[in-house]
Full PDB file with SEQRES, HELIX, SHEET, SSBOND, CRYST1, ORIGX, SCALE, CONECT and MASTER records, all heavy atoms in Angstrom:
SEQRES   1 A   34  GLN VAL ASP TYR ARG PRO GLU LEU ALA MET ASP ALA PRO          
SEQRES   2 A   34  ALA LEU ARG ALA ARG LEU TYR LYS THR GLU ALA LEU VAL          
SEQRES   3 A   34  VAL PRO PRO TRP LEU ARG VAL ASP                              
HELIX    1 AA1 PRO A    6  MET A   10  5                                   5    
HELIX    2 AA2 ALA A   12  LEU A   19  1                                   8    
CRYST1    1.000    1.000    1.000  90.00  90.00  90.00 P 1           1          
ORIGX1      1.000000  0.000000  0.000000        0.00000                         
ORIGX2      0.000000  1.000000  0.000000        0.00000                         
ORIGX3      0.000000  0.000000  1.000000        0.00000                         
SCALE1      1.000000  0.000000  0.000000        0.00000                         
SCALE2      0.000000  1.000000  0.000000        0.00000                         
SCALE3      0.000000  0.000000  1.000000        0.00000                         
ATOM      1  N   GLN A   1     113.857   5.078-116.759  1.00  0.00           N  
ATOM      2  CA  GLN A   1     114.456   4.570-117.986  1.00  0.00           C  
ATOM      3  C   GLN A   1     113.339   4.281-118.984  1.00  0.00           C  
ATOM      4  O   GLN A   1     112.429   3.494-118.695  1.00  0.00           O  
ATOM      5  CB  GLN A   1     115.254   3.300-117.711  1.00  0.00           C  
ATOM      6  CG  GLN A   1     115.942   2.740-118.959  1.00  0.00           C  
ATOM      7  CD  GLN A   1     116.653   1.436-118.672  1.00  0.00           C  
ATOM      8  OE1 GLN A   1     116.794   1.045-117.511  1.00  0.00           O  
ATOM      9  NE2 GLN A   1     117.094   0.764-119.718  1.00  0.00           N  
ATOM     10  N   VAL A   2     113.393   4.906-120.145  1.00  0.00           N  
ATOM     11  CA  VAL A   2     112.348   4.776-121.154  1.00  0.00           C  
ATOM     12  C   VAL A   2     112.970   4.313-122.461  1.00  0.00           C  
ATOM     13  O   VAL A   2     113.981   4.871-122.916  1.00  0.00           O  
ATOM     14  CB  VAL A   2     111.609   6.118-121.374  1.00  0.00           C  
ATOM     15  CG1 VAL A   2     110.552   5.971-122.470  1.00  0.00           C  
ATOM     16  CG2 VAL A   2     110.966   6.597-120.075  1.00  0.00           C  
ATOM     17  N   ASP A   3     112.375   3.299-123.063  1.00  0.00           N  
ATOM     18  CA  ASP A   3     112.862   2.784-124.341  1.00  0.00           C  
ATOM     19  C   ASP A   3     111.696   2.752-125.329  1.00  0.00           C  
ATOM     20  O   ASP A   3     110.657   2.143-125.044  1.00  0.00           O  
ATOM     21  CB  ASP A   3     113.439   1.377-124.149  1.00  0.00           C  
ATOM     22  CG  ASP A   3     114.242   0.913-125.358  1.00  0.00           C  
ATOM     23  OD1 ASP A   3     114.525   1.752-126.237  1.00  0.00           O  
ATOM     24  OD2 ASP A   3     114.577  -0.285-125.428  1.00  0.00           O  
ATOM     25  N   TYR A   4     111.856   3.404-126.467  1.00  0.00           N  
ATOM     26  CA  TYR A   4     110.820   3.436-127.500  1.00  0.00           C  
ATOM     27  C   TYR A   4     111.188   2.447-128.591  1.00  0.00           C  
ATOM     28  O   TYR A   4     112.145   2.638-129.328  1.00  0.00           O  
ATOM     29  CB  TYR A   4     110.700   4.853-128.072  1.00  0.00           C  
ATOM     30  CG  TYR A   4     109.740   4.974-129.256  1.00  0.00           C  
ATOM     31  CD1 TYR A   4     108.467   4.419-129.200  1.00  0.00           C  
ATOM     32  CD2 TYR A   4     110.121   5.643-130.415  1.00  0.00           C  
ATOM     33  CE1 TYR A   4     107.596   4.523-130.266  1.00  0.00           C  
ATOM     34  CE2 TYR A   4     109.244   5.768-131.483  1.00  0.00           C  
ATOM     35  CZ  TYR A   4     107.989   5.204-131.409  1.00  0.00           C  
ATOM     36  OH  TYR A   4     107.122   5.307-132.461  1.00  0.00           O  
ATOM     37  N   ARG A   5     110.400   1.366-128.697  1.00  0.00           N  
ATOM     38  CA  ARG A   5     110.700   0.302-129.664  1.00  0.00           C  
ATOM     39  C   ARG A   5     109.418  -0.125-130.386  1.00  0.00           C  
ATOM     40  O   ARG A   5     108.862  -1.183-130.121  1.00  0.00           O  
ATOM     41  CB  ARG A   5     111.320  -0.890-128.939  1.00  0.00           C  
ATOM     42  CG  ARG A   5     112.668  -0.632-128.289  1.00  0.00           C  
ATOM     43  CD  ARG A   5     113.755  -0.412-129.331  1.00  0.00           C  
ATOM     44  NE  ARG A   5     113.847  -1.551-130.221  1.00  0.00           N  
ATOM     45  CZ  ARG A   5     114.544  -2.660-129.938  1.00  0.00           C  
ATOM     46  NH1 ARG A   5     115.210  -2.753-128.781  1.00  0.00           N  
ATOM     47  NH2 ARG A   5     114.599  -3.661-130.797  1.00  0.00           N  
ATOM     48  N   PRO A   6     108.912   0.695-131.293  1.00  0.00           N  
ATOM     49  CA  PRO A   6     107.635   0.382-131.948  1.00  0.00           C  
ATOM     50  C   PRO A   6     107.676  -0.888-132.787  1.00  0.00           C  
ATOM     51  O   PRO A   6     106.648  -1.548-132.975  1.00  0.00           O  
ATOM     52  CB  PRO A   6     107.380   1.622-132.811  1.00  0.00           C  
ATOM     53  CG  PRO A   6     108.745   2.200-133.055  1.00  0.00           C  
ATOM     54  CD  PRO A   6     109.508   1.945-131.796  1.00  0.00           C  
ATOM     55  N   GLU A   7     108.853  -1.262-133.292  1.00  0.00           N  
ATOM     56  CA  GLU A   7     108.949  -2.437-134.150  1.00  0.00           C  
ATOM     57  C   GLU A   7     108.626  -3.729-133.399  1.00  0.00           C  
ATOM     58  O   GLU A   7     108.231  -4.736-134.005  1.00  0.00           O  
ATOM     59  CB  GLU A   7     110.342  -2.519-134.781  1.00  0.00           C  
ATOM     60  CG  GLU A   7     111.466  -2.907-133.836  1.00  0.00           C  
ATOM     61  CD  GLU A   7     112.000  -1.753-133.002  1.00  0.00           C  
ATOM     62  OE1 GLU A   7     111.441  -0.642-133.110  1.00  0.00           O  
ATOM     63  OE2 GLU A   7     112.980  -1.976-132.268  1.00  0.00           O  
ATOM     64  N   LEU A   8     108.757  -3.708-132.072  1.00  0.00           N  
ATOM     65  CA  LEU A   8     108.490  -4.918-131.290  1.00  0.00           C  
ATOM     66  C   LEU A   8     107.016  -5.291-131.301  1.00  0.00           C  
ATOM     67  O   LEU A   8     106.664  -6.450-131.077  1.00  0.00           O  
ATOM     68  CB  LEU A   8     108.960  -4.726-129.847  1.00  0.00           C  
ATOM     69  CG  LEU A   8     110.466  -4.561-129.632  1.00  0.00           C  
ATOM     70  CD1 LEU A   8     110.769  -4.361-128.158  1.00  0.00           C  
ATOM     71  CD2 LEU A   8     111.218  -5.768-130.180  1.00  0.00           C  
ATOM     72  N   ALA A   9     106.141  -4.321-131.551  1.00  0.00           N  
ATOM     73  CA  ALA A   9     104.709  -4.613-131.594  1.00  0.00           C  
ATOM     74  C   ALA A   9     104.372  -5.572-132.732  1.00  0.00           C  
ATOM     75  O   ALA A   9     103.347  -6.270-132.679  1.00  0.00           O  
ATOM     76  CB  ALA A   9     103.909  -3.323-131.740  1.00  0.00           C  
ATOM     77  N   MET A  10     105.222  -5.620-133.762  1.00  0.00           N  
ATOM     78  CA  MET A  10     104.996  -6.497-134.912  1.00  0.00           C  
ATOM     79  C   MET A  10     105.863  -7.756-134.854  1.00  0.00           C  
ATOM     80  O   MET A  10     105.853  -8.554-135.786  1.00  0.00           O  
ATOM     81  CB  MET A  10     105.296  -5.726-136.208  1.00  0.00           C  
ATOM     82  CG  MET A  10     104.502  -4.454-136.377  1.00  0.00           C  
ATOM     83  SD  MET A  10     102.737  -4.769-136.563  1.00  0.00           S  
ATOM     84  CE  MET A  10     102.732  -5.605-138.148  1.00  0.00           C  
ATOM     85  N   ASP A  11     106.621  -7.926-133.791  1.00  0.00           N  
ATOM     86  CA  ASP A  11     107.551  -9.050-133.670  1.00  0.00           C  
ATOM     87  C   ASP A  11     107.333  -9.714-132.309  1.00  0.00           C  
ATOM     88  O   ASP A  11     107.993  -9.373-131.329  1.00  0.00           O  
ATOM     89  CB  ASP A  11     108.990  -8.541-133.813  1.00  0.00           C  
ATOM     90  CG  ASP A  11     110.018  -9.660-133.903  1.00  0.00           C  
ATOM     91  OD1 ASP A  11     109.692 -10.797-133.516  1.00  0.00           O  
ATOM     92  OD2 ASP A  11     111.161  -9.387-134.328  1.00  0.00           O  
ATOM     93  N   ALA A  12     106.392 -10.672-132.261  1.00  0.00           N  
ATOM     94  CA  ALA A  12     106.007 -11.278-130.982  1.00  0.00           C  
ATOM     95  C   ALA A  12     107.175 -11.932-130.243  1.00  0.00           C  
ATOM     96  O   ALA A  12     107.329 -11.719-129.029  1.00  0.00           O  
ATOM     97  CB  ALA A  12     104.888 -12.290-131.210  1.00  0.00           C  
ATOM     98  N   PRO A  13     108.051 -12.728-130.896  1.00  0.00           N  
ATOM     99  CA  PRO A  13     109.166 -13.336-130.162  1.00  0.00           C  
ATOM    100  C   PRO A  13     110.113 -12.297-129.556  1.00  0.00           C  
ATOM    101  O   PRO A  13     110.542 -12.439-128.404  1.00  0.00           O  
ATOM    102  CB  PRO A  13     109.869 -14.177-131.229  1.00  0.00           C  
ATOM    103  CG  PRO A  13     108.807 -14.481-132.231  1.00  0.00           C  
ATOM    104  CD  PRO A  13     107.971 -13.248-132.280  1.00  0.00           C  
ATOM    105  N   ALA A  14     110.409 -11.245-130.320  1.00  0.00           N  
ATOM    106  CA  ALA A  14     111.312 -10.208-129.810  1.00  0.00           C  
ATOM    107  C   ALA A  14     110.665  -9.443-128.660  1.00  0.00           C  
ATOM    108  O   ALA A  14     111.332  -9.089-127.678  1.00  0.00           O  
ATOM    109  CB  ALA A  14     111.698  -9.251-130.936  1.00  0.00           C  
ATOM    110  N   LEU A  15     109.361  -9.194-128.756  1.00  0.00           N  
ATOM    111  CA  LEU A  15     108.666  -8.504-127.683  1.00  0.00           C  
ATOM    112  C   LEU A  15     108.689  -9.330-126.402  1.00  0.00           C  
ATOM    113  O   LEU A  15     108.969  -8.810-125.316  1.00  0.00           O  
ATOM    114  CB  LEU A  15     107.223  -8.214-128.100  1.00  0.00           C  
ATOM    115  CG  LEU A  15     106.309  -7.607-127.018  1.00  0.00           C  
ATOM    116  CD1 LEU A  15     106.868  -6.276-126.519  1.00  0.00           C  
ATOM    117  CD2 LEU A  15     104.891  -7.441-127.549  1.00  0.00           C  
ATOM    118  N   ARG A  16     108.402 -10.600-126.519  1.00  0.00           N  
ATOM    119  CA  ARG A  16     108.396 -11.455-125.340  1.00  0.00           C  
ATOM    120  C   ARG A  16     109.771 -11.497-124.674  1.00  0.00           C  
ATOM    121  O   ARG A  16     109.871 -11.545-123.441  1.00  0.00           O  
ATOM    122  CB  ARG A  16     107.951 -12.862-125.735  1.00  0.00           C  
ATOM    123  CG  ARG A  16     106.478 -12.940-126.134  1.00  0.00           C  
ATOM    124  CD  ARG A  16     106.139 -14.280-126.753  1.00  0.00           C  
ATOM    125  NE  ARG A  16     104.714 -14.362-127.084  1.00  0.00           N  
ATOM    126  CZ  ARG A  16     104.163 -15.383-127.714  1.00  0.00           C  
ATOM    127  NH1 ARG A  16     104.916 -16.414-128.096  1.00  0.00           N  
ATOM    128  NH2 ARG A  16     102.869 -15.374-127.962  1.00  0.00           N  
ATOM    129  N   ALA A  17     110.814 -11.469-125.483  1.00  0.00           N  
ATOM    130  CA  ALA A  17     112.166 -11.495-124.933  1.00  0.00           C  
ATOM    131  C   ALA A  17     112.493 -10.229-124.149  1.00  0.00           C  
ATOM    132  O   ALA A  17     113.289 -10.267-123.200  1.00  0.00           O  
ATOM    133  CB  ALA A  17     113.180 -11.690-126.057  1.00  0.00           C  
ATOM    134  N   ARG A  18     111.877  -9.105-124.529  1.00  0.00           N  
ATOM    135  CA  ARG A  18     112.154  -7.840-123.844  1.00  0.00           C  
ATOM    136  C   ARG A  18     111.263  -7.619-122.626  1.00  0.00           C  
ATOM    137  O   ARG A  18     111.578  -6.785-121.771  1.00  0.00           O  
ATOM    138  CB  ARG A  18     111.946  -6.675-124.821  1.00  0.00           C  
ATOM    139  CG  ARG A  18     112.931  -6.624-125.968  1.00  0.00           C  
ATOM    140  CD  ARG A  18     114.360  -6.379-125.484  1.00  0.00           C  
ATOM    141  NE  ARG A  18     114.505  -5.093-124.844  1.00  0.00           N  
ATOM    142  CZ  ARG A  18     114.803  -3.966-125.489  1.00  0.00           C  
ATOM    143  NH1 ARG A  18     114.981  -3.991-126.802  1.00  0.00           N  
ATOM    144  NH2 ARG A  18     114.937  -2.843-124.827  1.00  0.00           N  
ATOM    145  N   LEU A  19     110.150  -8.328-122.540  1.00  0.00           N  
ATOM    146  CA  LEU A  19     109.169  -8.044-121.501  1.00  0.00           C  
ATOM    147  C   LEU A  19     109.610  -8.478-120.104  1.00  0.00           C  
ATOM    148  O   LEU A  19     109.103  -7.955-119.114  1.00  0.00           O  
ATOM    149  CB  LEU A  19     107.832  -8.718-121.825  1.00  0.00           C  
ATOM    150  CG  LEU A  19     106.976  -8.052-122.903  1.00  0.00           C  
ATOM    151  CD1 LEU A  19     105.708  -8.849-123.139  1.00  0.00           C  
ATOM    152  CD2 LEU A  19     106.629  -6.621-122.514  1.00  0.00           C  
ATOM    153  N   TYR A  20     110.557  -9.407-120.000  1.00  0.00           N  
ATOM    154  CA  TYR A  20     110.860  -9.957-118.674  1.00  0.00           C  
ATOM    155  C   TYR A  20     111.487  -8.934-117.742  1.00  0.00           C  
ATOM    156  O   TYR A  20     111.457  -9.097-116.519  1.00  0.00           O  
ATOM    157  CB  TYR A  20     111.753 -11.193-118.798  1.00  0.00           C  
ATOM    158  CG  TYR A  20     113.218 -10.909-119.051  1.00  0.00           C  
ATOM    159  CD1 TYR A  20     114.136 -10.970-118.008  1.00  0.00           C  
ATOM    160  CD2 TYR A  20     113.679 -10.581-120.325  1.00  0.00           C  
ATOM    161  CE1 TYR A  20     115.480 -10.718-118.228  1.00  0.00           C  
ATOM    162  CE2 TYR A  20     115.013 -10.322-120.561  1.00  0.00           C  
ATOM    163  CZ  TYR A  20     115.914 -10.396-119.503  1.00  0.00           C  
ATOM    164  OH  TYR A  20     117.241 -10.136-119.726  1.00  0.00           O  
ATOM    165  N   LYS A  21     112.029  -7.841-118.290  1.00  0.00           N  
ATOM    166  CA  LYS A  21     112.599  -6.781-117.463  1.00  0.00           C  
ATOM    167  C   LYS A  21     111.719  -5.528-117.402  1.00  0.00           C  
ATOM    168  O   LYS A  21     112.077  -4.553-116.760  1.00  0.00           O  
ATOM    169  CB  LYS A  21     113.978  -6.374-117.996  1.00  0.00           C  
ATOM    170  CG  LYS A  21     115.064  -7.402-117.789  1.00  0.00           C  
ATOM    171  CD  LYS A  21     116.408  -6.848-118.253  1.00  0.00           C  
ATOM    172  CE  LYS A  21     117.538  -7.833-117.988  1.00  0.00           C  
ATOM    173  NZ  LYS A  21     118.846  -7.274-118.431  1.00  0.00           N  
ATOM    174  N   THR A  22     110.590  -5.567-118.069  1.00  0.00           N  
ATOM    175  CA  THR A  22     109.755  -4.372-118.215  1.00  0.00           C  
ATOM    176  C   THR A  22     108.810  -4.210-117.029  1.00  0.00           C  
ATOM    177  O   THR A  22     108.129  -5.156-116.628  1.00  0.00           O  
ATOM    178  CB  THR A  22     108.940  -4.456-119.516  1.00  0.00           C  
ATOM    179  OG1 THR A  22     109.845  -4.534-120.621  1.00  0.00           O  
ATOM    180  CG2 THR A  22     108.052  -3.239-119.681  1.00  0.00           C  
ATOM    181  N   GLU A  23     108.753  -2.981-116.489  1.00  0.00           N  
ATOM    182  CA  GLU A  23     107.854  -2.681-115.377  1.00  0.00           C  
ATOM    183  C   GLU A  23     106.603  -1.928-115.825  1.00  0.00           C  
ATOM    184  O   GLU A  23     105.566  -1.992-115.157  1.00  0.00           O  
ATOM    185  CB  GLU A  23     108.592  -1.871-114.305  1.00  0.00           C  
ATOM    186  CG  GLU A  23     109.733  -2.644-113.660  1.00  0.00           C  
ATOM    187  CD  GLU A  23     110.440  -1.848-112.589  1.00  0.00           C  
ATOM    188  OE1 GLU A  23     110.158  -0.636-112.474  1.00  0.00           O  
ATOM    189  OE2 GLU A  23     111.277  -2.422-111.879  1.00  0.00           O  
ATOM    190  N   ALA A  24     106.690  -1.189-116.929  1.00  0.00           N  
ATOM    191  CA  ALA A  24     105.538  -0.462-117.479  1.00  0.00           C  
ATOM    192  C   ALA A  24     105.585  -0.560-118.996  1.00  0.00           C  
ATOM    193  O   ALA A  24     106.660  -0.440-119.590  1.00  0.00           O  
ATOM    194  CB  ALA A  24     105.534   0.993-117.033  1.00  0.00           C  
ATOM    195  N   LEU A  25     104.433  -0.769-119.587  1.00  0.00           N  
ATOM    196  CA  LEU A  25     104.354  -1.015-121.025  1.00  0.00           C  
ATOM    197  C   LEU A  25     103.244  -0.155-121.623  1.00  0.00           C  
ATOM    198  O   LEU A  25     102.121  -0.136-121.111  1.00  0.00           O  
ATOM    199  CB  LEU A  25     104.058  -2.498-121.269  1.00  0.00           C  
ATOM    200  CG  LEU A  25     103.893  -2.975-122.706  1.00  0.00           C  
ATOM    201  CD1 LEU A  25     105.215  -2.859-123.474  1.00  0.00           C  
ATOM    202  CD2 LEU A  25     103.401  -4.426-122.728  1.00  0.00           C  
ATOM    203  N   VAL A  26     103.546   0.556-122.708  1.00  0.00           N  
ATOM    204  CA  VAL A  26     102.547   1.335-123.446  1.00  0.00           C  
ATOM    205  C   VAL A  26     102.362   0.680-124.810  1.00  0.00           C  
ATOM    206  O   VAL A  26     103.333   0.520-125.558  1.00  0.00           O  
ATOM    207  CB  VAL A  26     102.971   2.807-123.597  1.00  0.00           C  
ATOM    208  CG1 VAL A  26     101.964   3.567-124.465  1.00  0.00           C  
ATOM    209  CG2 VAL A  26     103.091   3.469-122.228  1.00  0.00           C  
ATOM    210  N   VAL A  27     101.116   0.288-125.123  1.00  0.00           N  
ATOM    211  CA  VAL A  27     100.848  -0.488-126.326  1.00  0.00           C  
ATOM    212  C   VAL A  27      99.867   0.239-127.234  1.00  0.00           C  
ATOM    213  O   VAL A  27      99.045   1.028-126.762  1.00  0.00           O  
ATOM    214  CB  VAL A  27     100.287  -1.880-125.963  1.00  0.00           C  
ATOM    215  CG1 VAL A  27     101.277  -2.658-125.113  1.00  0.00           C  
ATOM    216  CG2 VAL A  27      98.948  -1.768-125.245  1.00  0.00           C  
ATOM    217  N   PRO A  28      99.916  -0.029-128.541  1.00  0.00           N  
ATOM    218  CA  PRO A  28      98.906   0.515-129.458  1.00  0.00           C  
ATOM    219  C   PRO A  28      97.578  -0.219-129.257  1.00  0.00           C  
ATOM    220  O   PRO A  28      97.553  -1.348-128.746  1.00  0.00           O  
ATOM    221  CB  PRO A  28      99.498   0.236-130.841  1.00  0.00           C  
ATOM    222  CG  PRO A  28     100.409  -0.941-130.632  1.00  0.00           C  
ATOM    223  CD  PRO A  28     100.960  -0.801-129.247  1.00  0.00           C  
ATOM    224  N   PRO A  29      96.455   0.371-129.665  1.00  0.00           N  
ATOM    225  CA  PRO A  29      95.139  -0.220-129.370  1.00  0.00           C  
ATOM    226  C   PRO A  29      94.892  -1.539-130.075  1.00  0.00           C  
ATOM    227  O   PRO A  29      94.052  -2.324-129.622  1.00  0.00           O  
ATOM    228  CB  PRO A  29      94.156   0.860-129.827  1.00  0.00           C  
ATOM    229  CG  PRO A  29      94.908   1.685-130.813  1.00  0.00           C  
ATOM    230  CD  PRO A  29      96.333   1.669-130.351  1.00  0.00           C  
ATOM    231  N   TRP A  30      95.595  -1.813-131.164  1.00  0.00           N  
ATOM    232  CA  TRP A  30      95.337  -3.043-131.908  1.00  0.00           C  
ATOM    233  C   TRP A  30      96.101  -4.252-131.364  1.00  0.00           C  
ATOM    234  O   TRP A  30      95.819  -5.395-131.744  1.00  0.00           O  
ATOM    235  CB  TRP A  30      95.695  -2.854-133.389  1.00  0.00           C  
ATOM    236  CG  TRP A  30      97.070  -2.293-133.628  1.00  0.00           C  
ATOM    237  CD1 TRP A  30      97.406  -0.986-133.849  1.00  0.00           C  
ATOM    238  CD2 TRP A  30      98.292  -3.025-133.666  1.00  0.00           C  
ATOM    239  NE1 TRP A  30      98.766  -0.858-134.020  1.00  0.00           N  
ATOM    240  CE2 TRP A  30      99.338  -2.098-133.911  1.00  0.00           C  
ATOM    241  CE3 TRP A  30      98.632  -4.369-133.531  1.00  0.00           C  
ATOM    242  CZ2 TRP A  30     100.666  -2.466-134.018  1.00  0.00           C  
ATOM    243  CZ3 TRP A  30      99.959  -4.751-133.628  1.00  0.00           C  
ATOM    244  CH2 TRP A  30     100.962  -3.808-133.876  1.00  0.00           C  
ATOM    245  N   LEU A  31      97.050  -4.041-130.465  1.00  0.00           N  
ATOM    246  CA  LEU A  31      97.855  -5.147-129.953  1.00  0.00           C  
ATOM    247  C   LEU A  31      97.088  -5.929-128.896  1.00  0.00           C  
ATOM    248  O   LEU A  31      96.595  -5.361-127.922  1.00  0.00           O  
ATOM    249  CB  LEU A  31      99.162  -4.622-129.357  1.00  0.00           C  
ATOM    250  CG  LEU A  31     100.131  -5.704-128.849  1.00  0.00           C  
ATOM    251  CD1 LEU A  31     100.710  -6.479-130.023  1.00  0.00           C  
ATOM    252  CD2 LEU A  31     101.257  -5.090-128.024  1.00  0.00           C  
ATOM    253  N   ARG A  32      97.017  -7.241-129.065  1.00  0.00           N  
ATOM    254  CA  ARG A  32      96.320  -8.085-128.097  1.00  0.00           C  
ATOM    255  C   ARG A  32      97.193  -8.297-126.869  1.00  0.00           C  
ATOM    256  O   ARG A  32      98.361  -8.697-126.978  1.00  0.00           O  
ATOM    257  CB  ARG A  32      95.969  -9.441-128.721  1.00  0.00           C  
ATOM    258  CG  ARG A  32      95.309 -10.419-127.744  1.00  0.00           C  
ATOM    259  CD  ARG A  32      94.769 -11.637-128.463  1.00  0.00           C  
ATOM    260  NE  ARG A  32      93.674 -11.270-129.346  1.00  0.00           N  
ATOM    261  CZ  ARG A  32      92.425 -11.102-128.954  1.00  0.00           C  
ATOM    262  NH1 ARG A  32      92.104 -11.227-127.672  1.00  0.00           N  
ATOM    263  NH2 ARG A  32      91.488 -10.784-129.816  1.00  0.00           N  
ATOM    264  N   VAL A  33      96.613  -8.024-125.718  1.00  0.00           N  
ATOM    265  CA  VAL A  33      97.299  -8.248-124.439  1.00  0.00           C  
ATOM    266  C   VAL A  33      96.462  -9.257-123.664  1.00  0.00           C  
ATOM    267  O   VAL A  33      95.371  -8.941-123.181  1.00  0.00           O  
ATOM    268  CB  VAL A  33      97.453  -6.944-123.635  1.00  0.00           C  
ATOM    269  CG1 VAL A  33      98.129  -7.226-122.297  1.00  0.00           C  
ATOM    270  CG2 VAL A  33      98.245  -5.911-124.434  1.00  0.00           C  
ATOM    271  N   ASP A  34      96.973 -10.475-123.548  1.00  0.00           N  
ATOM    272  CA  ASP A  34      96.248 -11.537-122.859  1.00  0.00           C  
ATOM    273  C   ASP A  34      97.162 -12.216-121.857  1.00  0.00           C  
ATOM    274  O   ASP A  34      98.316 -11.798-121.647  1.00  0.00           O  
ATOM    275  CB  ASP A  34      95.684 -12.540-123.869  1.00  0.00           C  
ATOM    276  CG  ASP A  34      96.755 -13.074-124.821  1.00  0.00           C  
ATOM    277  OD1 ASP A  34      97.968 -12.970-124.492  1.00  0.00           O  
ATOM    278  OD2 ASP A  34      96.397 -13.611-125.886  1.00  0.00           O  
TER     279      ASP A  34                                                      
MASTER        0    0    0    2    0    0    0    6  278    1    0    3          
END                                                                             
C-alpha cells in the first residue's frame, strides 16, 4: 500500500497524525527527521 502525500512535508501536525500507521517513509532531503 503506497500513499503519495507531498503536502504533509510542510504540515508537521498532519504528518505526525499519519505516521502512527506508517511502516516505511520516503522524505525530501530538507525535512528534519529526529
